[in-house]
Amino acid sequence: SSLHFSLELVKTLVETMNGKLSATQDHERGYEFSFHVLLLRGDAQNRKTNGNSSQRVLPMYNKNIRLKAEEIAVKHLPLGHRLRKTLAAPYLKKGTIAYTKNQTQHAILYLKRGLRINPLSIPTRQKLATIYREKGWIDLFLRTLEAGLFSDQKNQHIKDQIALNKKFLWNTLAYEKKMDQYKLAEPLPTLFVSNILSDQDNRHFLFEPQMRELLLQSLYNTHSVFVKELEAGDRQSLAKKGQLLLRVHYYEDERKFEISAELVALATGNIFRNFSVRRYGNDRVIEGILQLSKEISEAVMPFGKILDITDDTALINLGERHRVKLKDRFYILKSKAVIDDYFSGGLLKSHQIIGEAEVTRLDENMAQVQLFKSHQVVFNLINLNDIIMVKKDAVKPPQKNTNN
């Protein structure tokens, strides 16, 4: 109920804010009103309470408190609850504004955050689907709309949109090859996000889980890295090969938000890259996390694999969502060890390359490539599951076979 939700929120905030928030009223309306004042009165000033707790406001930057409340709602309130709708509504507005400003990553993060809180919001789902449609991701567009029918099976507008756009799916590579491109193996490396650390004098402490959730969402929305949450019991069972660990630390005071991170190759323990981001202003947390995610996605090169071979063409599990473009060139390699070598700072040697490939056709999560021989190996050594990586100019490419 609303009362139970508010009690859970108050209990959490009392523990977090050292008792700055108190609650004395014991009926649902009073708690709910205090809850809305706390979250939505961002411009509120101190007032004399006159003994009435419902008029009390907190003179503090409350975006992090909102994050805490949202996660409590996700875990404890049933779908369709009106408090879920209240918490999710601002994200549709923020996503729409970001969309009009051509801030696509901002818009996707806001809209998907809204859907996490209230998955039943049809307007939010339609706005997100519109962004995917404009990117040309027809498969993801249709999947996003079809998920909306779960909550509103009689929504004729969604049914009409799906029917009108189904024909475009027939022209995709995945449809032609009869493959579900959203069930293909994810590219390597796997990026594990560990617990986020913070200083004790942080303005908002004990908000690390909410920061981590936002970072996971933001990294996932880049589409170019395969992200997983690292749980406490996972460390001993990690395979380590082809895996990275992201360690994150953040600090926030009255003016700024700072977040730093390091990427570690689990196979060797070597640090691949360090990151540091600082942001100011009311949206400093979101802006900082988005910038960090952008830098990580640009630094982590995805390694794909060959899914199918027909004569001198092949299918690979990299596509537009991984920033692959037509005419892009790839090296073909036999061993996965090259992935750990790359992220540990090792050099790619020419003799490791067994061939090359060039993209001739694209889909969202896959591509068709033309295969080219290496002068060092015979052509039939290029097989299923061989590793592919973006061609680097620093590596001398294999010589062409003049007998081809």
Protein backbone atom coordinates (compact mmCIF):
# COMPACT_ATOMS: atom_id res chain seq x y z
CA SER A 1 0.00 0.00 0.00
CA SER A 2 1.00 3.65 -0.19
CA LEU A 3 1.42 3.70 3.58
CA HIS A 4 3.78 0.73 3.58
CA PHE A 5 5.77 2.23 0.72
CA SER A 6 6.05 5.58 2.51
CA LEU A 7 7.10 3.92 5.75
CA GLU A 8 9.83 2.03 3.88
CA LEU A 9 11.00 5.26 2.27
CA VAL A 10 10.98 7.16 5.56
CA LYS A 11 12.83 4.35 7.33
CA THR A 12 15.52 4.31 4.64
CA LEU A 13 15.92 8.08 4.62
CA VAL A 14 16.05 8.36 8.41
CA GLU A 15 18.90 5.86 8.41
CA THR A 16 20.62 7.55 5.48
CA MET A 17 20.19 11.19 6.47
CA ASN A 18 21.05 10.74 10.16
CA GLY A 19 17.56 11.49 11.37
CA LYS A 20 17.03 14.76 9.47
CA LEU A 21 13.69 13.46 8.31
CA SER A 22 11.05 12.48 10.85
CA ALA A 23 7.48 11.32 10.52
CA THR A 24 4.77 11.49 13.14
CA GLN A 25 1.52 11.15 11.27
CA ASP A 26 0.05 7.69 11.05
CA HIS A 27 -2.48 7.90 8.25
CA GLU A 28 -1.86 7.27 4.57
CA ARG A 29 -2.63 10.75 3.27
CA GLY A 30 -0.14 12.40 5.59
CA TYR A 31 2.72 10.13 4.64
CA GLU A 32 1.98 10.40 0.98
CA PHE A 33 1.89 14.19 1.09
CA SER A 34 5.22 14.33 2.90
CA PHE A 35 6.64 11.95 0.32
CA HIS A 36 5.66 14.22 -2.57
CA VAL A 37 7.00 17.33 -0.87
CA LEU A 38 10.32 15.62 -0.31
CA LEU A 39 10.74 14.46 -3.88
CA LEU A 40 9.16 17.16 -5.98
CA ARG A 41 9.88 20.41 -4.17
CA GLY A 42 13.38 20.81 -5.54
CA ASP A 43 13.22 24.60 -5.22
CA ALA A 44 11.78 24.58 -1.72
CA GLN A 45 13.23 26.79 0.98
CA ASN A 46 13.22 26.25 4.73
CA ARG A 47 9.90 26.95 6.35
CA LYS A 48 8.63 27.02 9.86
CA THR A 49 6.82 23.77 10.34
CA ASN A 50 4.54 24.97 13.18
CA GLY A 51 4.59 21.41 14.43
CA ASN A 52 3.04 20.08 11.23
CA SER A 53 5.30 17.46 9.63
CA SER A 54 3.36 17.59 6.36
CA GLN A 55 4.78 21.09 5.70
CA ARG A 56 8.38 20.09 6.29
CA VAL A 57 10.76 20.23 3.34
CA LEU A 58 14.42 19.35 3.07
CA PRO A 59 16.75 22.09 1.75
CA MET A 60 19.03 19.70 -0.12
CA TYR A 61 19.83 18.50 -3.59
CA ASN A 62 17.32 15.66 -3.86
CA LYS A 63 18.00 13.87 -7.15
CA ASN A 64 19.73 11.06 -5.28
CA ILE A 65 16.86 10.80 -2.82
CA ARG A 66 14.54 10.40 -5.78
CA LEU A 67 16.73 7.56 -7.10
CA LYS A 68 16.45 5.84 -3.73
CA ALA A 69 12.66 6.21 -3.74
CA GLU A 70 12.42 4.90 -7.31
CA GLU A 71 14.33 1.73 -6.49
CA ILE A 72 12.14 1.15 -3.43
CA ALA A 73 9.10 1.52 -5.69
CA VAL A 74 10.50 -0.96 -8.23
CA LYS A 75 11.12 -3.56 -5.53
CA HIS A 76 8.03 -3.13 -3.36
CA LEU A 77 5.11 -1.66 -5.32
CA PRO A 78 2.95 -3.68 -7.74
CA LEU A 79 2.77 -2.82 -11.43
CA GLY A 80 0.17 -0.17 -12.12
CA HIS A 81 0.47 1.46 -8.69
CA ARG A 82 -0.17 5.19 -8.94
CA LEU A 83 3.04 6.06 -7.08
CA ARG A 84 4.96 4.21 -9.78
CA LYS A 85 3.19 6.37 -12.34
CA THR A 86 4.00 9.53 -10.39
CA LEU A 87 7.69 8.67 -10.13
CA ALA A 88 7.97 7.65 -13.79
CA ALA A 89 6.15 10.64 -15.30
CA PRO A 90 9.10 13.12 -15.17
CA TYR A 91 11.26 10.75 -17.21
CA LEU A 92 8.87 10.84 -20.15
CA LYS A 93 9.06 14.64 -20.09
CA LYS A 94 12.86 14.63 -19.78
CA GLY A 95 13.19 12.03 -22.52
CA THR A 96 10.97 14.02 -24.85
CA ILE A 97 12.96 17.22 -24.25
CA ALA A 98 16.27 15.41 -24.83
CA TYR A 99 14.85 13.88 -28.00
CA THR A 100 13.90 17.31 -29.39
CA LYS A 101 17.46 18.48 -28.66
CA ASN A 102 18.88 15.49 -30.57
CA GLN A 103 20.42 14.10 -27.37
CA THR A 104 19.65 10.50 -28.22
CA GLN A 105 21.59 8.80 -25.43
CA HIS A 106 20.01 11.10 -22.85
CA ALA A 107 16.56 10.41 -24.25
CA ILE A 108 17.00 6.63 -24.27
CA LEU A 109 18.32 6.60 -20.70
CA TYR A 110 15.45 8.76 -19.41
CA LEU A 111 12.78 6.76 -21.25
CA LYS A 112 14.15 3.37 -20.21
CA ARG A 113 14.48 4.63 -16.65
CA GLY A 114 10.81 5.58 -16.80
CA LEU A 115 9.91 2.11 -18.10
CA ARG A 116 11.91 0.47 -15.33
CA ILE A 117 9.73 2.28 -12.79
CA ASN A 118 6.46 1.95 -14.70
CA PRO A 119 6.67 -0.71 -17.44
CA LEU A 120 2.98 -0.18 -18.21
CA SER A 121 3.44 3.36 -19.57
CA ILE A 122 2.36 3.18 -23.21
CA PRO A 123 3.39 6.81 -24.08
CA THR A 124 6.92 6.19 -22.76
CA ARG A 125 7.20 2.94 -24.70
CA GLN A 126 5.96 4.58 -27.90
CA LYS A 127 8.46 7.43 -27.58
CA LEU A 128 11.32 4.96 -27.08
CA ALA A 129 10.14 2.90 -30.06
CA THR A 130 10.07 6.06 -32.19
CA ILE A 131 13.77 6.66 -31.48
CA TYR A 132 14.62 3.10 -32.51
CA ARG A 133 12.56 3.50 -35.68
CA GLU A 134 14.40 6.66 -36.67
CA LYS A 135 17.71 4.86 -36.17
CA GLY A 136 16.51 2.25 -38.64
CA TRP A 137 16.36 -0.49 -35.99
CA ILE A 138 13.07 -1.91 -37.21
CA ASP A 139 13.43 -5.19 -35.31
CA LEU A 140 13.98 -3.47 -31.96
CA PHE A 141 11.22 -0.98 -32.79
CA LEU A 142 8.71 -3.79 -33.28
CA ARG A 143 9.86 -5.68 -30.17
CA THR A 144 9.47 -2.54 -28.06
CA LEU A 145 5.93 -1.95 -29.30
CA GLU A 146 4.94 -5.60 -28.97
CA ALA A 147 5.99 -5.53 -25.32
CA GLY A 148 3.43 -2.74 -24.85
CA LEU A 149 0.61 -5.08 -25.83
CA PHE A 150 1.34 -7.03 -22.65
CA SER A 151 -0.22 -4.20 -20.63
CA ASP A 152 -2.77 -3.01 -23.18
CA GLN A 153 -3.83 -5.83 -25.48
CA LYS A 154 -6.62 -3.77 -27.04
CA ASN A 155 -4.47 -0.78 -27.98
CA GLN A 156 -5.37 -0.39 -31.64
CA HIS A 157 -2.80 2.33 -32.28
CA ILE A 158 0.06 0.01 -31.32
CA LYS A 159 -1.44 -2.82 -33.37
CA ASP A 160 -1.67 -0.52 -36.40
CA GLN A 161 1.95 0.62 -36.01
CA ILE A 162 3.14 -2.98 -35.82
CA ALA A 163 1.09 -4.00 -38.86
CA LEU A 164 2.32 -1.04 -40.94
CA ASN A 165 5.99 -1.68 -40.16
CA LYS A 166 6.09 -5.48 -40.33
CA LYS A 167 6.80 -5.33 -44.06
CA PHE A 168 10.09 -3.51 -43.42
CA LEU A 169 11.23 -6.42 -41.26
CA TRP A 170 11.02 -8.71 -44.28
CA ASN A 171 13.89 -6.83 -45.92
CA THR A 172 16.31 -7.34 -43.04
CA LEU A 173 19.27 -9.70 -43.06
CA ALA A 174 18.05 -11.52 -39.95
CA TYR A 175 14.64 -12.23 -41.50
CA GLU A 176 16.21 -13.48 -44.72
CA LYS A 177 18.57 -15.81 -42.84
CA LYS A 178 15.80 -16.92 -40.43
CA MET A 179 17.86 -15.90 -37.39
CA ASP A 180 16.72 -14.18 -34.19
CA GLN A 181 19.43 -11.55 -33.97
CA TYR A 182 18.51 -10.66 -30.39
CA LYS A 183 19.29 -14.20 -29.24
CA LEU A 184 22.74 -14.39 -30.79
CA ALA A 185 25.81 -14.74 -28.60
CA GLU A 186 26.92 -11.35 -27.30
CA PRO A 187 30.25 -9.97 -28.53
CA LEU A 188 33.27 -10.16 -26.24
CA PRO A 189 34.60 -8.96 -23.89
CA THR A 190 32.08 -9.26 -21.08
CA LEU A 191 32.21 -6.13 -18.94
CA PHE A 192 31.49 -6.79 -15.26
CA VAL A 193 30.56 -3.79 -13.10
CA SER A 194 31.60 -4.22 -9.48
CA ASN A 195 30.25 -2.39 -6.44
CA ILE A 196 30.66 1.38 -6.61
CA LEU A 197 32.73 2.98 -3.85
CA SER A 198 32.41 6.46 -2.36
CA ASP A 199 33.97 8.67 0.31
CA GLN A 200 32.50 8.88 3.79
CA ASP A 201 32.18 12.65 3.50
CA ASN A 202 30.08 12.30 0.36
CA ARG A 203 27.08 14.59 0.33
CA HIS A 204 24.79 11.64 -0.25
CA PHE A 205 26.23 8.43 1.13
CA LEU A 206 24.69 4.96 0.94
CA PHE A 207 23.51 5.71 -2.60
CA GLU A 208 26.03 3.40 -4.27
CA PRO A 209 23.43 0.79 -5.38
CA GLN A 210 21.40 3.46 -7.15
CA MET A 211 24.50 4.85 -8.87
CA ARG A 212 25.41 1.36 -9.98
CA GLU A 213 21.96 0.72 -11.41
CA LEU A 214 22.10 3.98 -13.39
CA LEU A 215 25.56 3.15 -14.69
CA LEU A 216 24.48 -0.33 -15.76
CA GLN A 217 21.51 1.11 -17.63
CA SER A 218 23.64 3.77 -19.27
CA LEU A 219 26.32 1.30 -20.38
CA TYR A 220 23.72 -1.09 -21.72
CA ASN A 221 22.13 1.72 -23.73
CA THR A 222 25.38 2.35 -25.61
CA HIS A 223 24.71 -1.05 -27.27
CA SER A 224 28.41 -1.53 -27.99
CA VAL A 225 29.46 -3.32 -24.78
CA PHE A 226 28.11 -6.49 -23.17
CA VAL A 227 27.51 -5.51 -19.54
CA LYS A 228 26.84 -7.65 -16.48
CA GLU A 229 26.41 -6.84 -12.81
CA LEU A 230 29.09 -8.50 -10.68
CA GLU A 231 27.56 -10.04 -7.58
CA ALA A 232 29.49 -10.81 -4.42
CA GLY A 233 29.54 -14.56 -5.06
CA ASP A 234 30.62 -14.29 -8.70
CA ARG A 235 34.29 -13.49 -8.20
CA GLN A 236 35.44 -17.06 -7.61
CA SER A 237 33.46 -18.49 -10.53
CA LEU A 238 34.57 -16.04 -13.22
CA ALA A 239 36.15 -17.65 -16.25
CA LYS A 240 38.32 -14.50 -16.57
CA LYS A 241 39.21 -15.04 -20.23
CA GLY A 242 37.61 -12.44 -22.45
CA GLN A 243 36.35 -10.48 -19.44
CA LEU A 244 36.89 -6.99 -18.06
CA LEU A 245 36.17 -5.61 -14.60
CA LEU A 246 35.01 -2.02 -14.14
CA ARG A 247 35.87 -0.51 -10.76
CA VAL A 248 34.13 2.78 -10.00
CA HIS A 249 34.45 5.49 -7.35
CA TYR A 250 32.35 8.64 -7.04
CA TYR A 251 32.25 11.79 -4.94
CA GLU A 252 29.67 14.56 -4.68
CA ASP A 253 29.67 17.84 -2.77
CA GLU A 254 27.62 21.03 -2.92
CA ARG A 255 28.88 21.97 -6.38
CA LYS A 256 30.16 19.01 -8.33
CA PHE A 257 29.88 15.31 -9.06
CA GLU A 258 33.06 13.36 -9.79
CA ILE A 259 33.19 9.78 -10.98
CA SER A 260 36.33 7.83 -11.81
CA ALA A 261 36.78 4.29 -13.10
CA GLU A 262 39.38 1.81 -14.22
CA LEU A 263 39.02 -1.09 -16.61
CA VAL A 264 40.94 -4.21 -15.64
CA ALA A 265 41.62 -7.26 -17.83
CA LEU A 266 40.67 -10.15 -15.55
CA ALA A 267 42.91 -12.63 -17.36
CA THR A 268 46.08 -10.71 -16.46
CA GLY A 269 45.07 -8.10 -13.87
CA ASN A 270 46.43 -5.33 -16.10
CA ILE A 271 44.67 -1.97 -16.11
CA PHE A 272 43.48 -1.30 -19.65
CA ARG A 273 42.20 2.26 -19.23
CA ASN A 274 41.46 4.89 -16.57
CA PHE A 275 38.56 7.34 -16.75
CA SER A 276 37.68 10.49 -14.85
CA VAL A 277 34.60 12.69 -15.30
CA ARG A 278 33.48 15.82 -13.44
CA ARG A 279 30.14 17.57 -13.89
CA TYR A 280 28.35 20.56 -12.33
CA GLY A 281 24.71 21.66 -12.14
CA ASN A 282 21.42 20.12 -11.14
CA ASP A 283 21.75 17.18 -13.55
CA ARG A 284 25.38 16.50 -12.71
CA VAL A 285 24.81 12.87 -11.69
CA ILE A 286 23.04 11.85 -14.91
CA GLU A 287 25.42 13.90 -17.06
CA GLY A 288 28.47 12.41 -15.37
CA ILE A 289 27.28 8.83 -15.74
CA LEU A 290 26.33 9.34 -19.39
CA GLN A 291 29.74 10.81 -20.19
CA LEU A 292 31.55 7.97 -18.41
CA SER A 293 29.49 5.40 -20.31
CA LYS A 294 30.25 7.12 -23.60
CA GLU A 295 34.00 7.08 -22.94
CA ILE A 296 33.94 3.43 -21.88
CA SER A 297 31.95 2.34 -24.93
CA GLU A 298 34.39 4.15 -27.21
CA ALA A 299 37.39 2.54 -25.50
CA VAL A 300 36.12 -1.05 -25.41
CA MET A 301 36.39 -2.53 -28.89
CA PRO A 302 33.92 -5.40 -29.41
CA PHE A 303 35.22 -8.73 -30.69
CA GLY A 304 32.72 -10.77 -32.67
CA LYS A 305 32.69 -14.24 -34.13
CA ILE A 306 31.70 -15.99 -37.34
CA LEU A 307 28.19 -17.44 -37.14
CA ASP A 308 27.83 -19.00 -40.57
CA ILE A 309 29.92 -19.46 -43.73
CA THR A 310 28.68 -19.90 -47.30
CA ASP A 311 31.42 -20.01 -49.95
CA ASP A 312 33.31 -16.71 -49.57
CA THR A 313 30.72 -14.91 -47.41
CA ALA A 314 29.98 -15.17 -43.71
CA LEU A 315 27.64 -13.87 -41.02
CA ILE A 316 29.03 -12.22 -37.87
CA ASN A 317 27.44 -11.17 -34.57
CA LEU A 318 28.32 -7.48 -34.88
CA GLY A 319 25.94 -4.94 -36.40
CA GLU A 320 24.77 -1.36 -36.45
CA ARG A 321 24.18 -1.29 -32.70
CA HIS A 322 27.91 -1.99 -32.28
CA ARG A 323 28.76 0.99 -34.53
CA VAL A 324 29.67 -1.22 -37.49
CA LYS A 325 29.30 0.39 -40.92
CA LEU A 326 29.25 -0.81 -44.50
CA LYS A 327 32.75 -1.36 -45.95
CA ASP A 328 34.29 -1.76 -42.47
CA ARG A 329 37.22 -4.18 -42.50
CA PHE A 330 37.91 -6.89 -39.91
CA TYR A 331 40.74 -9.25 -39.14
CA ILE A 332 39.88 -12.92 -38.68
CA LEU A 333 41.75 -14.73 -35.91
CA LYS A 334 41.73 -18.29 -34.67
CA SER A 335 42.35 -17.86 -30.93
CA LYS A 336 40.33 -15.98 -28.30
CA ALA A 337 43.61 -15.24 -26.55
CA VAL A 338 43.96 -12.21 -28.79
CA ILE A 339 41.15 -10.55 -26.80
CA ASP A 340 43.03 -10.73 -23.51
CA ASP A 341 46.27 -9.74 -25.25
CA TYR A 342 44.60 -6.63 -26.63
CA PHE A 343 43.09 -5.48 -23.33
CA SER A 344 46.32 -6.28 -21.48
CA GLY A 345 48.35 -4.03 -23.76
CA GLY A 346 49.86 -6.77 -25.92
CA LEU A 347 50.63 -6.30 -29.60
CA LEU A 348 48.71 -8.05 -32.34
CA LYS A 349 51.11 -10.03 -34.49
CA SER A 350 50.55 -10.51 -38.20
CA HIS A 351 50.95 -14.28 -38.03
CA GLN A 352 47.85 -14.47 -35.80
CA ILE A 353 45.69 -13.21 -38.67
CA ILE A 354 44.19 -15.95 -40.84
CA GLY A 355 42.15 -13.68 -43.09
CA GLU A 356 40.14 -10.51 -43.49
CA ALA A 357 36.49 -9.63 -43.95
CA GLU A 358 34.61 -6.62 -45.32
CA VAL A 359 31.04 -5.71 -44.39
CA THR A 360 28.67 -5.93 -47.35
CA ARG A 361 25.31 -5.90 -45.56
CA LEU A 362 24.15 -4.71 -42.14
CA ASP A 363 21.46 -5.47 -39.62
CA GLU A 364 21.02 -4.36 -36.01
CA ASN A 365 22.97 -7.14 -34.27
CA MET A 366 24.60 -8.92 -37.20
CA ALA A 367 26.27 -8.34 -40.53
CA GLN A 368 27.21 -10.16 -43.72
CA VAL A 369 30.87 -9.99 -44.73
CA GLN A 370 33.01 -10.89 -47.73
CA LEU A 371 35.93 -13.15 -46.78
CA PHE A 372 39.49 -12.66 -48.03
CA LYS A 373 42.31 -15.18 -47.77
CA SER A 374 45.52 -14.77 -45.89
CA HIS A 375 48.68 -15.64 -47.81
CA GLN A 376 49.81 -17.71 -44.84
CA VAL A 377 46.91 -20.16 -44.56
CA VAL A 378 44.58 -22.05 -46.83
CA PHE A 379 41.06 -20.72 -47.14
CA ASN A 380 39.27 -23.61 -45.45
CA LEU A 381 40.94 -22.79 -42.13
CA ILE A 382 38.41 -19.98 -41.65
CA ASN A 383 35.70 -21.72 -39.66
CA LEU A 384 32.66 -21.10 -37.50
CA ASN A 385 33.33 -19.29 -34.21
CA ASP A 386 36.59 -17.77 -35.43
CA ILE A 387 37.19 -14.37 -33.82
CA ILE A 388 36.87 -11.11 -35.72
CA MET A 389 38.21 -7.72 -34.69
CA VAL A 390 38.14 -4.28 -36.26
CA LYS A 391 41.13 -3.79 -38.52
CA LYS A 392 43.79 -1.61 -36.92
CA ASP A 393 46.05 0.45 -39.15
CA ALA A 394 48.98 -0.17 -36.81
CA VAL A 395 48.95 -3.87 -37.67
CA LYS A 396 50.41 -4.83 -41.00
CA PRO A 397 47.64 -6.61 -42.93
CA PRO A 398 48.21 -10.02 -44.52
CA GLN A 399 49.41 -9.97 -48.12
CA LYS A 400 46.91 -10.73 -50.83
CA ASN A 401 47.04 -14.16 -52.43
CA THR A 402 47.81 -13.51 -56.09
CA ASN A 403 46.33 -16.92 -56.97
CA ASN A 404 42.89 -15.92 -55.67
